[in-house]
Structure formats: C-alpha cells, structure tokens
Amino acid sequence: MEIKKAAMAGTLESSDAQVTVEPGTDGIQLTIESSVIHQFGRQIKAAVLETLERLEVKDAKVTVVDKGALDCTLKARVECAVYRSNGVTENLPWGGVIR
C-alpha cells in the first residue's frame, strides 16, 4: 500500500501511542520516541515494521511517540494511520483479516 498523504492516529495519553505516516521515497524511515525505549525499543520497532510489512508499505516516513502502549495498540495505530493516508474509511480489514 502506498502512503499518499500525511496521516496520524493515536494520542499522547498514557498507555497509548501517536503514529504519524508520511510519503517517503527511500524505504521505511522509522523514528521512535519512548520513555521505555531502553526496555522495549526493539519490540516497538518490530511491531511497527511487521505491521507495515503486512500492509505492504514499502516507502514511508513513520514517527512513533510511545507512551507505554501495548503491541496490539501500536499495530492498530499503524494500521489506522496507513488507512487514513489512503482515505480508506469503510470496510476496513482490521487486524488478522489483512493478508
């Protein structure tokens, strides 16, 4: 899936994450800000990249501001931001339905 325009999902509340996706030209450029980056940075990165791969996103600038979100929340925020960037608002194939 192509990232057509900048889009955001999530909040900066505790136990949530704010994910922003923007069009890119050179693969996935991922930036993560988190208060728990030293404990869970690899897991956050893996969850985001796995979701982008599942959605077949090849080129994008992705920024994650994590406030202690669980993996399922991170994945949902990434999915939502990608769908919003493409204007998809109906019949969303959430979660395990994708691929």
N, C-alpha and C. Protein backbone atom coordinates (compact mmCIF):
# COMPACT_ATOMS: atom_id res chain seq x y z
N MET A 1 0.86 -1.17 0.00
CA MET A 1 0.00 0.00 0.00
C MET A 1 0.90 1.24 0.00
N GLU A 2 0.55 2.20 -0.77
CA GLU A 2 1.31 3.44 -0.87
C GLU A 2 0.80 4.45 0.16
N ILE A 3 1.71 5.21 0.75
CA ILE A 3 1.33 6.30 1.64
C ILE A 3 1.11 7.51 0.75
N LYS A 4 -0.14 7.95 0.64
CA LYS A 4 -0.48 9.02 -0.30
C LYS A 4 -0.38 10.41 0.31
N LYS A 5 -0.68 10.52 1.60
CA LYS A 5 -0.60 11.83 2.27
C LYS A 5 -0.28 11.59 3.73
N ALA A 6 0.15 12.62 4.42
CA ALA A 6 0.45 12.51 5.84
C ALA A 6 -0.83 12.20 6.62
N ALA A 7 -0.70 11.31 7.60
CA ALA A 7 -1.85 10.96 8.44
C ALA A 7 -1.35 10.57 9.82
N MET A 8 -2.23 10.70 10.81
CA MET A 8 -1.87 10.43 12.19
C MET A 8 -2.97 9.61 12.85
N ALA A 9 -2.57 8.78 13.81
CA ALA A 9 -3.52 8.02 14.62
C ALA A 9 -2.97 7.92 16.04
N GLY A 10 -3.86 7.93 17.00
CA GLY A 10 -3.46 7.78 18.39
C GLY A 10 -3.40 9.09 19.14
N THR A 11 -3.04 8.97 20.41
CA THR A 11 -2.96 10.13 21.30
C THR A 11 -1.64 10.09 22.06
N LEU A 12 -1.43 11.11 22.85
CA LEU A 12 -0.24 11.16 23.71
C LEU A 12 -0.60 10.85 25.16
N GLU A 13 -1.74 10.18 25.33
CA GLU A 13 -2.17 9.77 26.67
C GLU A 13 -1.34 8.57 27.14
N SER A 14 -1.32 8.34 28.42
CA SER A 14 -0.62 7.20 28.99
C SER A 14 -1.17 5.90 28.40
N SER A 15 -0.31 4.95 28.13
CA SER A 15 -0.65 3.63 27.58
C SER A 15 -1.14 3.69 26.13
N ASP A 16 -0.80 4.76 25.42
CA ASP A 16 -1.18 4.89 24.01
C ASP A 16 0.07 5.25 23.22
N ALA A 17 -0.11 5.42 21.93
CA ALA A 17 0.98 5.86 21.06
C ALA A 17 0.40 6.71 19.96
N GLN A 18 1.17 7.69 19.52
CA GLN A 18 0.76 8.52 18.39
C GLN A 18 1.66 8.15 17.22
N VAL A 19 1.04 7.70 16.14
CA VAL A 19 1.78 7.25 14.96
C VAL A 19 1.47 8.20 13.80
N THR A 20 2.52 8.72 13.18
CA THR A 20 2.37 9.58 12.01
C THR A 20 3.06 8.91 10.84
N VAL A 21 2.36 8.85 9.70
CA VAL A 21 2.96 8.32 8.47
C VAL A 21 2.96 9.43 7.42
N GLU A 22 4.03 9.48 6.64
CA GLU A 22 4.16 10.45 5.57
C GLU A 22 4.74 9.74 4.36
N PRO A 23 4.47 10.27 3.16
CA PRO A 23 5.06 9.65 1.98
C PRO A 23 6.59 9.67 2.06
N GLY A 24 7.21 8.63 1.57
CA GLY A 24 8.66 8.54 1.55
C GLY A 24 9.12 8.03 0.21
N THR A 25 10.43 8.07 -0.02
CA THR A 25 10.96 7.63 -1.31
C THR A 25 12.09 6.62 -1.18
N ASP A 26 12.55 6.39 0.03
CA ASP A 26 13.73 5.56 0.20
C ASP A 26 13.52 4.51 1.29
N GLY A 27 12.54 3.64 1.10
CA GLY A 27 12.26 2.61 2.09
C GLY A 27 11.52 3.17 3.29
N ILE A 28 11.56 2.43 4.38
CA ILE A 28 10.91 2.83 5.63
C ILE A 28 11.91 3.60 6.48
N GLN A 29 11.56 4.83 6.82
CA GLN A 29 12.38 5.64 7.72
C GLN A 29 11.60 5.77 9.02
N LEU A 30 12.04 5.06 10.04
CA LEU A 30 11.31 4.95 11.30
C LEU A 30 11.99 5.74 12.41
N THR A 31 11.21 6.59 13.08
CA THR A 31 11.69 7.34 14.23
C THR A 31 10.80 6.97 15.41
N ILE A 32 11.43 6.57 16.52
CA ILE A 32 10.67 6.18 17.71
C ILE A 32 11.11 7.04 18.89
N GLU A 33 10.12 7.63 19.57
CA GLU A 33 10.35 8.33 20.83
C GLU A 33 9.57 7.58 21.89
N SER A 34 10.23 7.19 22.97
CA SER A 34 9.54 6.44 24.01
C SER A 34 10.29 6.57 25.32
N SER A 35 9.54 6.66 26.41
CA SER A 35 10.15 6.70 27.73
C SER A 35 10.67 5.32 28.13
N VAL A 36 10.25 4.29 27.41
CA VAL A 36 10.69 2.93 27.71
C VAL A 36 11.52 2.34 26.54
N ILE A 37 12.18 3.23 25.80
CA ILE A 37 12.93 2.80 24.61
C ILE A 37 14.03 1.79 24.97
N HIS A 38 14.65 1.96 26.14
CA HIS A 38 15.74 1.06 26.52
C HIS A 38 15.24 -0.34 26.86
N GLN A 39 14.05 -0.44 27.41
CA GLN A 39 13.49 -1.74 27.75
C GLN A 39 12.77 -2.39 26.57
N PHE A 40 12.03 -1.60 25.79
CA PHE A 40 11.13 -2.17 24.79
C PHE A 40 11.34 -1.63 23.37
N GLY A 41 12.43 -0.92 23.14
CA GLY A 41 12.67 -0.33 21.82
C GLY A 41 12.67 -1.33 20.68
N ARG A 42 13.33 -2.46 20.87
CA ARG A 42 13.36 -3.48 19.80
C ARG A 42 11.97 -4.06 19.54
N GLN A 43 11.19 -4.25 20.58
CA GLN A 43 9.84 -4.79 20.44
C GLN A 43 8.91 -3.79 19.75
N ILE A 44 9.03 -2.51 20.09
CA ILE A 44 8.24 -1.46 19.44
C ILE A 44 8.57 -1.42 17.96
N LYS A 45 9.86 -1.40 17.64
CA LYS A 45 10.30 -1.36 16.25
C LYS A 45 9.78 -2.58 15.48
N ALA A 46 9.88 -3.75 16.07
CA ALA A 46 9.44 -4.98 15.40
C ALA A 46 7.93 -4.94 15.14
N ALA A 47 7.15 -4.48 16.10
CA ALA A 47 5.69 -4.42 15.93
C ALA A 47 5.30 -3.47 14.80
N VAL A 48 5.95 -2.31 14.75
CA VAL A 48 5.65 -1.32 13.71
C VAL A 48 6.06 -1.85 12.34
N LEU A 49 7.28 -2.37 12.23
CA LEU A 49 7.76 -2.86 10.94
C LEU A 49 6.97 -4.07 10.45
N GLU A 50 6.58 -4.94 11.36
CA GLU A 50 5.76 -6.11 10.99
C GLU A 50 4.41 -5.67 10.42
N THR A 51 3.81 -4.67 11.04
CA THR A 51 2.52 -4.17 10.57
C THR A 51 2.66 -3.50 9.21
N LEU A 52 3.69 -2.70 9.04
CA LEU A 52 3.92 -2.05 7.74
C LEU A 52 4.16 -3.09 6.65
N GLU A 53 4.90 -4.13 6.97
CA GLU A 53 5.16 -5.20 6.01
C GLU A 53 3.86 -5.91 5.63
N ARG A 54 3.03 -6.20 6.63
CA ARG A 54 1.75 -6.86 6.39
C ARG A 54 0.85 -6.02 5.49
N LEU A 55 0.94 -4.70 5.63
CA LEU A 55 0.15 -3.78 4.81
C LEU A 55 0.83 -3.49 3.47
N GLU A 56 1.99 -4.08 3.26
CA GLU A 56 2.77 -3.92 2.03
C GLU A 56 3.17 -2.47 1.78
N VAL A 57 3.53 -1.75 2.86
CA VAL A 57 4.05 -0.39 2.75
C VAL A 57 5.55 -0.51 2.51
N LYS A 58 6.01 0.07 1.40
CA LYS A 58 7.42 -0.04 1.02
C LYS A 58 8.21 1.23 1.31
N ASP A 59 7.60 2.39 1.08
CA ASP A 59 8.26 3.68 1.25
C ASP A 59 7.42 4.57 2.15
N ALA A 60 7.99 5.00 3.28
CA ALA A 60 7.24 5.87 4.19
C ALA A 60 8.18 6.43 5.26
N LYS A 61 7.81 7.60 5.74
CA LYS A 61 8.44 8.16 6.93
C LYS A 61 7.44 7.92 8.06
N VAL A 62 7.87 7.21 9.08
CA VAL A 62 6.97 6.84 10.17
C VAL A 62 7.56 7.35 11.48
N THR A 63 6.74 8.06 12.24
CA THR A 63 7.15 8.56 13.55
C THR A 63 6.22 7.98 14.60
N VAL A 64 6.81 7.38 15.63
CA VAL A 64 6.03 6.81 16.73
C VAL A 64 6.43 7.53 18.02
N VAL A 65 5.45 8.10 18.69
CA VAL A 65 5.66 8.68 20.02
C VAL A 65 4.90 7.77 20.97
N ASP A 66 5.64 6.93 21.67
CA ASP A 66 5.06 5.89 22.52
C ASP A 66 4.95 6.36 23.96
N LYS A 67 3.81 6.09 24.55
CA LYS A 67 3.58 6.40 25.96
C LYS A 67 3.24 5.13 26.74
N GLY A 68 3.91 4.04 26.38
CA GLY A 68 3.70 2.78 27.09
C GLY A 68 2.62 1.91 26.48
N ALA A 69 2.42 2.03 25.18
CA ALA A 69 1.37 1.26 24.50
C ALA A 69 1.74 -0.22 24.39
N LEU A 70 0.73 -1.06 24.45
CA LEU A 70 0.91 -2.49 24.20
C LEU A 70 1.10 -2.71 22.70
N ASP A 71 1.62 -3.88 22.33
CA ASP A 71 1.83 -4.21 20.92
C ASP A 71 0.55 -4.09 20.10
N CYS A 72 -0.55 -4.58 20.65
CA CYS A 72 -1.82 -4.53 19.90
C CYS A 72 -2.23 -3.10 19.62
N THR A 73 -1.95 -2.19 20.55
CA THR A 73 -2.28 -0.78 20.35
C THR A 73 -1.37 -0.18 19.28
N LEU A 74 -0.09 -0.49 19.34
CA LEU A 74 0.85 0.01 18.32
C LEU A 74 0.43 -0.43 16.93
N LYS A 75 0.08 -1.70 16.79
CA LYS A 75 -0.32 -2.24 15.50
C LYS A 75 -1.59 -1.56 15.00
N ALA A 76 -2.55 -1.36 15.88
CA ALA A 76 -3.80 -0.71 15.50
C ALA A 76 -3.57 0.74 15.07
N ARG A 77 -2.68 1.43 15.76
CA ARG A 77 -2.37 2.83 15.41
C ARG A 77 -1.68 2.91 14.05
N VAL A 78 -0.77 1.99 13.78
CA VAL A 78 -0.09 1.98 12.48
C VAL A 78 -1.10 1.70 11.37
N GLU A 79 -1.94 0.68 11.56
CA GLU A 79 -2.96 0.36 10.56
C GLU A 79 -3.86 1.56 10.29
N CYS A 80 -4.33 2.20 11.35
CA CYS A 80 -5.23 3.34 11.21
C CYS A 80 -4.56 4.48 10.45
N ALA A 81 -3.33 4.80 10.79
CA ALA A 81 -2.63 5.89 10.11
C ALA A 81 -2.45 5.59 8.63
N VAL A 82 -2.11 4.34 8.30
CA VAL A 82 -1.92 3.96 6.89
C VAL A 82 -3.24 4.06 6.15
N TYR A 83 -4.31 3.56 6.73
CA TYR A 83 -5.62 3.65 6.07
C TYR A 83 -6.05 5.10 5.89
N ARG A 84 -5.83 5.94 6.91
CA ARG A 84 -6.19 7.35 6.80
C ARG A 84 -5.38 8.03 5.68
N SER A 85 -4.13 7.66 5.52
CA SER A 85 -3.30 8.27 4.49
C SER A 85 -3.82 7.95 3.09
N ASN A 86 -4.60 6.89 2.98
CA ASN A 86 -5.17 6.48 1.69
C ASN A 86 -6.65 6.81 1.56
N GLY A 87 -7.20 7.48 2.56
CA GLY A 87 -8.61 7.85 2.51
C GLY A 87 -9.57 6.69 2.68
N VAL A 88 -9.09 5.57 3.21
CA VAL A 88 -9.95 4.40 3.42
C VAL A 88 -10.73 4.60 4.71
N THR A 89 -12.06 4.65 4.58
CA THR A 89 -12.89 4.88 5.77
C THR A 89 -14.00 3.84 5.95
N GLU A 90 -14.21 3.00 4.96
CA GLU A 90 -15.27 2.00 5.05
C GLU A 90 -14.72 0.61 4.76
N ASN A 91 -15.37 -0.41 5.33
CA ASN A 91 -15.00 -1.80 5.12
C ASN A 91 -13.52 -2.05 5.40
N LEU A 92 -13.08 -1.56 6.53
CA LEU A 92 -11.67 -1.72 6.91
C LEU A 92 -11.34 -3.16 7.29
N PRO A 93 -10.30 -3.72 6.71
CA PRO A 93 -9.90 -5.10 7.05
C PRO A 93 -8.96 -5.10 8.25
N TRP A 94 -9.47 -4.82 9.45
CA TRP A 94 -8.63 -4.70 10.64
C TRP A 94 -7.97 -6.01 11.03
N GLY A 95 -6.84 -5.88 11.64
CA GLY A 95 -6.15 -6.97 12.30
C GLY A 95 -5.82 -8.15 11.44
N GLY A 96 -6.22 -9.34 11.90
CA GLY A 96 -5.86 -10.59 11.25
C GLY A 96 -6.49 -10.79 9.87
N VAL A 97 -7.45 -9.98 9.49
CA VAL A 97 -8.08 -10.11 8.19
C VAL A 97 -7.11 -9.75 7.07
N ILE A 98 -6.15 -8.87 7.38
CA ILE A 98 -5.19 -8.42 6.37
C ILE A 98 -4.24 -9.57 6.04
N ARG A 99 -4.12 -9.85 4.77
CA ARG A 99 -3.24 -10.89 4.25
C ARG A 99 -3.40 -12.15 5.01
